[in-house]
Protein backbone atom coordinates (compact mmCIF):
# COMPACT_ATOMS: atom_id res chain seq x y z
CA MET A 1 0.00 0.00 0.00
CA ASN A 2 1.16 3.51 -0.73
CA GLN A 3 0.84 6.52 1.54
CA GLU A 4 -2.61 7.50 0.30
CA ASP A 5 -3.93 3.95 0.78
CA ILE A 6 -2.58 3.81 4.34
CA ILE A 7 -4.19 7.12 5.28
CA ARG A 8 -7.48 6.18 3.63
CA GLU A 9 -7.61 2.89 5.55
CA TRP A 10 -6.65 4.68 8.78
CA PHE A 11 -9.44 7.23 8.40
CA TYR A 12 -11.96 4.52 7.55
CA ARG A 13 -11.29 2.86 10.89
CA LEU A 14 -11.69 5.98 12.99
CA PRO A 15 -15.11 6.72 14.52
CA LYS A 16 -15.22 10.22 12.96
CA GLY A 17 -13.86 9.03 9.59
CA TYR A 18 -10.88 11.43 9.81
CA ALA A 19 -8.22 12.74 12.20
CA GLN A 20 -6.86 16.19 12.92
CA PRO A 21 -3.63 17.13 14.74
CA PRO A 22 -2.75 16.84 17.50
CA TYR A 23 -3.62 13.15 17.12
CA SER A 24 -4.83 11.24 20.17
CA LYS A 25 -3.15 8.07 21.41
CA LYS A 26 -6.19 6.04 20.30
CA GLU A 27 -5.97 7.51 16.77
CA MET A 28 -2.25 6.76 16.57
CA ASP A 29 -2.81 3.22 17.85
CA VAL A 30 -5.21 2.62 14.95
CA LEU A 31 -2.67 4.02 12.49
CA HIS A 32 0.07 1.78 13.86
CA ALA A 33 -2.26 -1.23 13.55
CA VAL A 34 -2.87 -0.42 9.87
CA LEU A 35 0.87 -0.04 9.24
CA GLU A 36 1.61 -3.34 10.96
CA GLU A 37 -1.11 -5.24 9.10
CA HIS A 38 0.27 -4.13 5.75
CA ASN A 39 3.96 -4.44 6.73
CA VAL A 40 4.59 -0.75 6.07
CA ASN A 41 7.23 1.26 7.91
CA GLY A 42 5.92 4.48 9.43
CA SER A 43 9.02 6.34 8.21
CA ILE A 44 7.33 6.81 4.82
CA PHE A 45 5.47 9.73 6.37
CA VAL A 46 8.48 11.28 8.07
CA LYS A 47 10.53 11.66 4.89
CA GLU A 48 8.04 13.84 3.04
CA ASP A 49 6.95 16.81 5.10
CA ARG A 50 5.01 18.33 2.22
CA TYR A 51 3.04 15.10 1.79
CA VAL A 52 2.36 14.84 5.49
CA ASN A 53 0.97 18.35 5.58
CA GLN A 54 -1.30 17.70 2.61
CA ALA A 55 -2.41 14.18 3.50
CA PHE A 56 -2.71 14.49 7.26
CA HIS A 57 -3.28 18.11 8.14
CA ASP A 58 -5.55 18.98 5.22
CA ALA A 59 -7.36 15.66 4.98
CA GLU A 60 -11.12 15.69 4.53
CA PRO A 61 -13.47 13.32 6.32
CA VAL A 62 -14.09 10.00 4.58
CA LYS A 63 -17.39 10.14 2.77
CA GLU A 64 -20.14 7.73 3.62
CA ALA A 65 -20.49 4.71 1.35
CA SER A 66 -23.24 4.67 -1.26
CA GLN A 67 -24.34 2.53 -4.18
CA GLU A 68 -21.81 4.28 -6.42
CA ASP A 69 -19.00 2.66 -4.43
CA PHE A 70 -20.08 -0.83 -5.47
CA ASN A 71 -20.37 -2.77 -8.69
CA LEU A 72 -24.00 -3.75 -8.18
CA ASP A 73 -26.07 -5.84 -10.55
CA PRO A 74 -29.05 -3.79 -11.79
CA LYS A 75 -31.27 -6.85 -11.26
CA PHE A 76 -30.20 -6.90 -7.60
CA ILE A 77 -31.13 -3.24 -7.19
CA GLU A 78 -34.45 -3.95 -8.87
CA MET A 79 -35.16 -6.70 -6.31
CA ILE A 80 -34.45 -4.28 -3.49
CA GLU A 81 -36.71 -1.62 -4.98
CA LYS A 82 -39.57 -4.08 -5.50
CA ALA A 83 -39.28 -5.11 -1.84
CA GLY A 84 -39.51 -1.45 -0.81
CA LYS A 85 -36.12 -1.62 0.87
CA ILE A 86 -33.98 0.77 -1.15
CA ASN A 87 -33.77 3.24 1.73
CA ASP A 88 -32.84 0.41 4.09
CA PHE A 89 -30.12 -0.72 1.67
CA ASN A 90 -28.69 2.77 1.37
CA GLU A 91 -28.62 3.12 5.16
CA PHE A 92 -26.88 -0.25 5.52
CA LEU A 93 -24.15 0.86 3.08
CA LYS A 94 -23.81 4.26 4.78
CA LEU A 95 -23.28 2.68 8.21
CA LEU A 96 -20.49 0.35 7.08
CA PRO A 97 -17.11 1.40 8.54
CA GLY A 98 -15.45 1.70 5.12
CA GLY A 99 -11.96 0.54 4.10
CA ASP A 100 -11.56 -3.19 3.70
CA SER A 101 -15.17 -3.78 4.74
CA LEU A 102 -16.39 -2.12 1.54
CA GLU A 103 -14.14 -4.33 -0.58
CA ALA A 104 -15.36 -7.43 1.26
CA ILE A 105 -19.05 -6.61 0.84
CA ASN A 106 -18.48 -5.67 -2.80
CA ARG A 107 -16.97 -9.10 -3.50
CA PHE A 108 -19.87 -10.66 -1.62
CA PHE A 109 -22.42 -8.84 -3.80
CA ASN A 110 -20.55 -9.79 -7.00
CA GLU A 111 -20.48 -13.48 -6.07
CA MET A 112 -24.14 -13.78 -5.03
CA THR A 113 -26.37 -16.10 -7.03
CA PRO A 114 -29.89 -14.92 -7.97
CA SER A 115 -31.37 -17.02 -5.16
CA GLU A 116 -28.86 -15.58 -2.67
CA SER A 117 -29.77 -12.07 -3.84
CA LYS A 118 -33.40 -12.79 -2.92
CA GLU A 119 -32.26 -14.13 0.46
CA PHE A 120 -30.23 -11.00 1.14
CA VAL A 121 -33.15 -8.72 0.33
CA LYS A 122 -35.36 -10.73 2.68
CA LEU A 123 -32.70 -10.70 5.44
CA LEU A 124 -31.91 -6.97 5.12
CA TYR A 125 -33.15 -5.12 8.23
CA SER A 126 -35.53 -7.98 8.98
CA GLU A 127 -34.97 -7.56 12.73
CA THR A 128 -35.54 -4.39 14.71
CA LYS A 129 -34.71 -5.39 18.32
CA ILE A 130 -31.56 -6.84 19.88
CA ASP A 131 -33.53 -9.49 21.77
CA ALA A 132 -34.58 -11.03 18.43
CA LEU A 133 -30.99 -12.27 18.02
CA ASP A 134 -31.12 -14.65 20.98
CA ASN A 135 -30.95 -18.26 19.69
CA LEU A 136 -31.30 -17.04 16.08
CA LYS A 137 -29.97 -19.53 13.48
CA TYR A 138 -27.48 -18.27 10.91
CA ASP A 139 -25.84 -21.44 9.54
CA LYS A 140 -27.51 -21.65 6.12
CA GLY A 141 -27.62 -19.71 2.88
CA VAL A 142 -26.69 -16.08 2.58
CA ALA A 143 -26.64 -15.62 6.36
CA ALA A 144 -23.84 -18.19 6.73
CA LYS A 145 -21.80 -16.44 4.02
CA LEU A 146 -22.27 -13.02 5.59
CA VAL A 147 -21.20 -14.34 8.99
CA LYS A 148 -17.92 -15.61 7.51
CA LEU A 149 -16.92 -12.20 6.14
CA GLU A 150 -13.89 -10.94 8.05
CA PRO A 151 -12.26 -7.88 6.48
CA LYS A 152 -9.24 -6.51 8.30
CA GLY A 153 -10.21 -4.55 11.37
CA LEU A 154 -13.54 -6.35 11.76
CA GLY A 155 -14.58 -9.67 13.29
CA ARG A 156 -16.70 -12.39 11.77
CA GLY A 157 -20.41 -11.85 12.23
CA GLU A 158 -20.26 -8.06 12.42
CA ILE A 159 -21.28 -7.34 8.80
CA TYR A 160 -24.04 -9.92 9.10
CA LEU A 161 -25.44 -8.16 12.17
CA ALA A 162 -25.21 -4.79 10.40
CA ALA A 163 -27.31 -6.19 7.54
CA LEU A 164 -29.78 -8.02 9.78
CA LEU A 165 -30.51 -5.46 12.50
CA ARG A 166 -32.01 -2.17 11.43
CA GLY A 167 -29.66 0.75 12.03
CA ALA A 168 -26.80 -1.34 13.49
CA LYS A 169 -23.39 0.23 12.98
CA VAL A 170 -20.06 -1.62 13.04
CA SER A 171 -17.29 0.22 14.89
CA GLY A 172 -14.48 -0.90 12.59
CA GLY A 173 -11.63 -0.60 15.09
CA GLY A 174 -10.48 2.02 17.56
CA GLU A 175 -13.27 1.26 20.04
CA SER A 176 -13.72 -1.20 22.91
CA TYR A 177 -17.00 -2.43 21.40
CA ASP A 178 -17.96 -3.81 17.98
CA LEU A 179 -21.57 -2.87 17.37
CA THR A 180 -23.70 0.21 18.08
CA LEU A 181 -27.49 0.05 17.94
CA PRO A 182 -29.94 2.89 17.43
CA GLN A 183 -32.18 3.66 20.37
CA ALA A 184 -35.11 2.04 18.58
CA ALA A 185 -33.35 -1.35 18.62
CA VAL A 186 -32.51 -1.53 22.33
CA GLU A 187 -34.54 -3.46 24.87
CA ASP A 188 -37.24 -1.55 26.73
CA GLU A 189 -36.89 -3.84 29.73
CA GLY A 190 -34.83 -6.79 30.90
CA PRO A 191 -31.08 -7.24 31.44
CA PHE A 192 -30.07 -5.18 28.40
CA GLN A 193 -32.46 -2.32 28.89
CA GLY A 194 -31.04 0.82 27.31
CA LYS A 195 -27.83 -0.90 26.10
CA THR A 196 -26.66 0.38 22.70
CA LYS A 197 -23.09 -0.99 22.54
CA TYR A 198 -22.18 -4.67 22.16
CA GLU A 199 -19.12 -6.85 21.70
CA VAL A 200 -19.31 -9.56 19.04
CA LYS A 201 -17.57 -12.92 19.59
CA ASP A 202 -17.25 -15.60 16.92
CA TYR A 203 -17.22 -19.13 18.35
CA ARG A 204 -19.26 -20.85 15.63
CA THR A 205 -17.13 -23.99 15.58
CA SER A 206 -17.56 -25.04 19.20
CA GLN A 207 -20.32 -25.03 21.76
CA SER A 208 -17.84 -25.16 24.64
CA GLN A 209 -14.80 -23.20 23.45
CA THR A 210 -13.88 -20.61 26.03
CA ILE A 211 -13.87 -16.88 25.29
CA ARG A 212 -10.66 -14.93 25.80
CA LEU A 213 -11.21 -11.40 27.10
CA GLY A 214 -8.16 -9.74 25.59
CA VAL A 215 -6.77 -6.57 27.16
CA LYS A 216 -9.58 -6.33 29.71
CA GLY A 217 -8.73 -9.75 31.08
CA VAL A 218 -4.95 -9.43 31.51
CA ILE A 219 -4.18 -11.65 34.49
CA THR A 220 -1.54 -9.40 36.04
CA LYS A 221 -4.32 -6.90 36.83
CA GLN A 222 -6.00 -9.36 39.19
CA LYS A 223 -5.12 -9.02 42.89
CA TRP A 224 -5.98 -12.65 43.70
CA TRP A 225 -3.39 -13.72 41.13
CA ARG A 226 -0.63 -11.45 42.39
CA ASN A 227 -1.33 -11.76 46.11
CA GLN A 228 -2.45 -15.39 46.45
CA ILE A 229 -1.67 -17.72 43.53
CA LEU A 230 1.89 -16.57 42.79
CA PRO A 231 2.92 -16.42 46.50
CA THR A 232 1.53 -19.94 46.91
CA LEU A 233 3.79 -21.16 44.10
CA ASN A 234 6.77 -19.42 45.68
CA LEU A 235 6.15 -21.04 49.06
CA MET A 236 5.76 -24.49 47.52
CA ARG A 237 9.01 -24.04 45.66
CA GLU A 238 10.75 -22.99 48.90
CA LEU A 239 9.56 -26.22 50.52
CA LEU A 240 11.05 -28.26 47.68
CA ASP A 241 14.31 -26.30 47.67
CA SER A 242 15.18 -26.99 51.32
CA GLU A 243 16.07 -30.29 52.96
CA ALA A 244 13.89 -29.42 55.95
CA GLY A 245 11.02 -28.70 53.57
CA LYS A 246 11.39 -32.04 51.79
CA GLU A 247 11.50 -33.84 55.11
CA TRP A 248 8.34 -31.99 56.20
CA LEU A 249 6.54 -32.86 52.95
CA ASN A 250 7.27 -36.55 53.43
CA GLN A 251 5.57 -36.66 56.82
CA PRO A 252 2.29 -38.67 56.67
CA ASP A 253 0.16 -35.77 57.92
CA ASN A 254 1.32 -33.61 55.00
CA LYS A 255 0.34 -36.01 52.22
CA GLY A 256 -2.05 -33.54 50.56
CA VAL A 257 0.63 -30.85 50.30
CA LYS A 258 3.13 -33.42 48.99
CA GLU A 259 0.69 -34.40 46.23
CA PHE A 260 0.34 -30.72 45.31
CA THR A 261 4.09 -30.09 45.06
CA ASP A 262 4.44 -33.31 43.03
CA TYR A 263 1.76 -32.02 40.66
CA LEU A 264 3.48 -28.65 40.31
CA ASN A 265 6.91 -30.21 39.83
CA THR A 266 6.05 -32.96 37.32
CA PRO A 267 7.65 -32.11 33.94
CA ALA A 268 5.69 -32.05 30.71
CA LYS A 269 7.09 -33.46 27.45
CA ASP A 270 9.17 -30.34 26.90
CA GLY A 271 10.66 -30.58 30.40
CA ARG A 272 8.76 -27.64 31.86
CA THR A 273 6.60 -27.97 34.98
CA ARG A 274 3.52 -26.18 36.29
CA PHE A 275 5.99 -24.07 38.28
CA ASP A 276 7.15 -22.80 34.89
CA PHE A 277 3.80 -22.56 33.10
CA ILE A 278 1.50 -20.99 35.69
CA PRO A 279 3.49 -17.75 36.32
CA THR A 280 3.38 -17.06 32.56
CA GLY A 281 -0.42 -16.94 32.67
CA GLU A 282 -1.38 -20.55 31.94
CA PHE A 283 -3.87 -21.78 34.55
CA ASN A 284 -6.49 -24.28 33.44
CA LYS A 285 -9.79 -24.98 35.13
CA SER A 286 -9.73 -28.75 34.57
CA LYS A 287 -6.51 -29.58 36.47
CA ASP A 288 -4.84 -26.51 37.97
CA LEU A 289 -7.89 -25.13 39.75
CA PRO A 290 -8.86 -28.46 41.44
CA ALA A 291 -5.23 -28.98 42.45
CA PHE A 292 -5.05 -25.55 44.09
CA MET A 293 -8.42 -25.98 45.78
CA ALA A 294 -7.39 -29.34 47.27
CA ALA A 295 -4.00 -27.94 48.28
CA TYR A 296 -5.52 -24.95 50.06
CA GLN A 297 -7.79 -27.27 52.02
CA SER A 298 -4.84 -29.49 53.01
CA LEU A 299 -2.73 -26.47 53.90
CA ALA A 300 -5.59 -25.01 55.91
CA ASN A 301 -5.87 -28.21 57.96
CA ILE A 302 -2.13 -28.14 58.64
CA ALA A 303 -1.32 -24.46 58.96
CA MET A 304 -4.33 -23.46 61.01
CA SER A 305 -4.51 -26.54 63.28
CA ASP A 306 -0.80 -26.18 63.97
CA ASN A 307 -1.24 -22.56 64.94
CA GLN A 308 0.71 -22.12 68.13
CA GLY A 309 0.37 -18.36 68.25
CA TYR A 310 3.67 -17.61 66.51
CA ASP A 311 4.31 -14.74 64.19
CA ILE A 312 7.43 -13.75 62.27
CA MET A 313 9.57 -10.71 62.95
CA THR A 314 12.60 -9.87 60.79
CA LEU A 315 15.43 -7.74 62.21
CA ARG A 316 17.57 -5.78 59.76
CA GLY A 317 20.60 -3.57 60.32
CA PRO A 318 23.43 -1.96 58.34
CA ASN A 319 25.96 -4.50 57.02
CA GLN A 320 24.10 -7.30 58.80
CA THR A 321 22.34 -10.37 57.48
CA PRO A 322 18.63 -10.13 58.31
CA ILE A 323 17.52 -12.41 61.14
CA SER A 324 14.02 -13.93 61.24
CA LEU A 325 12.52 -14.54 64.66
CA ALA A 326 9.46 -16.56 65.61
CA VAL A 327 7.63 -14.68 68.36
CA ASP A 328 5.23 -16.48 70.69
CA ILE A 329 2.18 -14.23 70.68
CA PRO A 330 0.34 -14.35 74.03
CA SER A 331 -3.42 -14.68 74.21
CA SER A 332 -5.36 -11.44 74.50
CA ASP A 333 -6.53 -12.10 78.07
CA VAL A 334 -2.99 -12.01 79.48
CA ALA A 335 -1.26 -9.76 76.96
CA ASP A 336 -1.45 -6.66 79.18
CA ASN A 337 0.56 -8.35 81.95
CA ILE A 338 3.31 -9.90 79.78
CA GLU A 339 6.82 -8.52 80.40
CA THR A 340 8.79 -11.00 78.28
CA LEU A 341 8.17 -12.89 75.03
CA ASN A 342 9.37 -16.30 73.91
CA VAL A 343 11.48 -15.90 70.76
CA LYS A 344 13.43 -18.34 68.61
CA VAL A 345 15.70 -17.70 65.63
CA LEU A 346 14.53 -19.13 62.30
CA GLY A 347 16.52 -20.06 59.20
CA GLY A 348 15.93 -18.40 55.84
CA ALA A 349 13.47 -21.11 54.75
CA GLY A 350 12.62 -22.69 58.06
CA ILE A 351 9.42 -24.67 58.29
CA ASP A 352 8.05 -22.43 61.04
CA GLN A 353 8.64 -19.40 58.87
CA ILE A 354 6.98 -20.95 55.82
CA ILE A 355 3.99 -22.13 57.86
CA THR A 356 3.56 -18.64 59.28
CA ARG A 357 3.69 -17.12 55.80
CA LEU A 358 1.17 -19.69 54.62
CA ARG A 359 -1.24 -18.57 57.34
CA ARG A 360 -1.18 -15.10 55.87
CA LEU A 361 -2.67 -16.33 52.58
CA LYS A 362 -6.39 -15.69 52.42
CA TYR A 363 -7.13 -18.91 50.55
CA ILE A 364 -5.49 -21.03 53.22
CA ARG A 365 -7.58 -19.37 55.90
CA ASN A 366 -10.67 -19.78 53.70
CA PRO A 367 -10.14 -22.18 50.73
CA LYS A 368 -13.61 -21.56 49.25
CA GLN A 369 -12.77 -17.88 48.79
CA LEU A 370 -10.75 -18.73 45.65
CA GLU A 371 -13.84 -19.71 43.66
CA THR A 372 -15.69 -16.66 44.98
CA ASP A 373 -12.87 -14.36 43.86
CA LEU A 374 -12.65 -16.00 40.44
CA GLN A 375 -16.32 -15.31 39.73
CA ALA A 376 -16.11 -11.80 41.16
CA SER A 377 -13.15 -11.17 38.87
CA VAL A 378 -15.11 -12.33 35.81
CA ASP A 379 -18.12 -10.20 36.79
CA ASN A 380 -15.87 -7.18 37.23
CA ILE A 381 -14.04 -7.67 33.91
CA VAL A 382 -17.16 -8.31 31.85
CA GLY A 383 -19.19 -5.68 33.66
CA GLN A 384 -22.71 -4.76 32.71
CA GLU A 385 -22.01 -1.85 30.38
CA ILE A 386 -21.23 -3.75 27.16
CA PRO A 387 -23.06 -7.07 26.71
CA PHE A 388 -21.83 -9.78 24.34
CA VAL A 389 -23.29 -11.16 21.12
CA VAL A 390 -21.78 -14.66 20.88
CA PHE A 391 -22.02 -16.86 17.80
CA ARG A 392 -22.29 -20.56 18.77
CA PRO A 393 -23.07 -23.64 16.63
CA ASP A 394 -26.66 -23.78 17.88
CA GLY A 395 -27.37 -20.09 17.38
CA ILE A 396 -26.61 -16.57 18.58
CA LYS A 397 -26.51 -15.75 22.29
CA VAL A 398 -26.97 -12.25 23.69
CA LEU A 399 -25.76 -12.19 27.27
CA SER A 400 -23.53 -10.78 29.97
CA ASP A 401 -23.60 -13.70 32.44
CA PHE A 402 -20.31 -15.61 32.30
CA LYS A 403 -18.26 -17.83 34.57
CA PHE A 404 -14.54 -18.40 34.96
CA ALA A 405 -13.14 -20.91 32.45
CA GLY A 406 -9.39 -20.64 32.87
CA ILE A 407 -6.35 -18.51 32.10
CA SER A 408 -4.34 -18.72 28.90
CA GLN A 409 -1.70 -16.53 27.26
CA GLY A 410 -1.83 -14.23 30.26
CA GLY A 411 -5.54 -13.53 29.98
CA VAL A 412 -8.72 -14.63 31.75
CA LYS A 413 -11.03 -16.87 29.72
CA ILE A 414 -14.76 -17.15 30.30
CA ILE A 415 -17.75 -19.17 29.16
CA GLU A 416 -21.50 -18.66 29.31
CA LYS A 417 -23.27 -19.63 32.52
CA ARG A 418 -26.31 -20.87 30.64
């Protein structure tokens, strides 16, 4: 692509259809995405100041699409006119985001058979409310072909929804949502009352494939991950790295914890263990979650029943190695009269020290809290502001109720509750 093509595609993907300096971060992010998709170096704009001034600073808004932008069969237009839908068709074209989407829909129109043309006219703006999409079938005829369209910057299903639902507008990149509905199409009551913005997810090939949340679901943003799961891994590794820890794990009463460390330390075919995988953001619901739940219960039975009222105090001084002390904490009924405390020195990875640190973990004090936090995390990430339109093999689902399904590639994955 040359400079003009890059700028045209960039403007097509912006909500306003153009950009004016100074450019916002969101506008520049869209430009960088276009450059990356087409393997173009951004330096092409830096070398020609005159061109930049003309193409960027003096650029006019992208015009709305119309019939003149497409190579349309006159017989197809005649069908639309006979059905009394010419205004609907013009609105559909006008609301397309432009750029590659226009090329994709133009190819679609050119390849339609006469029977598919009739189907398209019948489908066009045949639905007026978002709730009509729930459980709607789309797997046959022209609907199936529209769903498969995926021009750059758009997801599958978005053009289909724009053709099906009166007044629906595809964002075309640069926004956190995919589809905007006119006020007339929103629900008057129910869970999506007043909602005009929706995310579209294409999972047509599987009824059970989990949905990755992308940037919103980055795992490092979750406190339960940083403050509970990762510290648990660190403490288990400390047990395995010390002779005292290994001896402790092999005691009969600690069988559950031993099974957990064995699970974490068992190498896969490539030699890596769960100790290696989980910190990178790979945490599955089928094996990892049950292993952690069982481990927290075992650790709770050990750490809390063995609670002898000790806490850890670390003394630090200049040019001195820190010393960890286990302090015998007196009960509250005699604390006011205590003049001395029982203290013993601990090693760097002493069992007493590790057990005390384990007690500080919320999930060891209350193992069931992990599942509660996972669902709360999903509810918080998904929110109620932007519902989802999900394409599944048995039809379309419009919903915002999801449950935790795992973590992969550093992001939370979800699946429908129903």
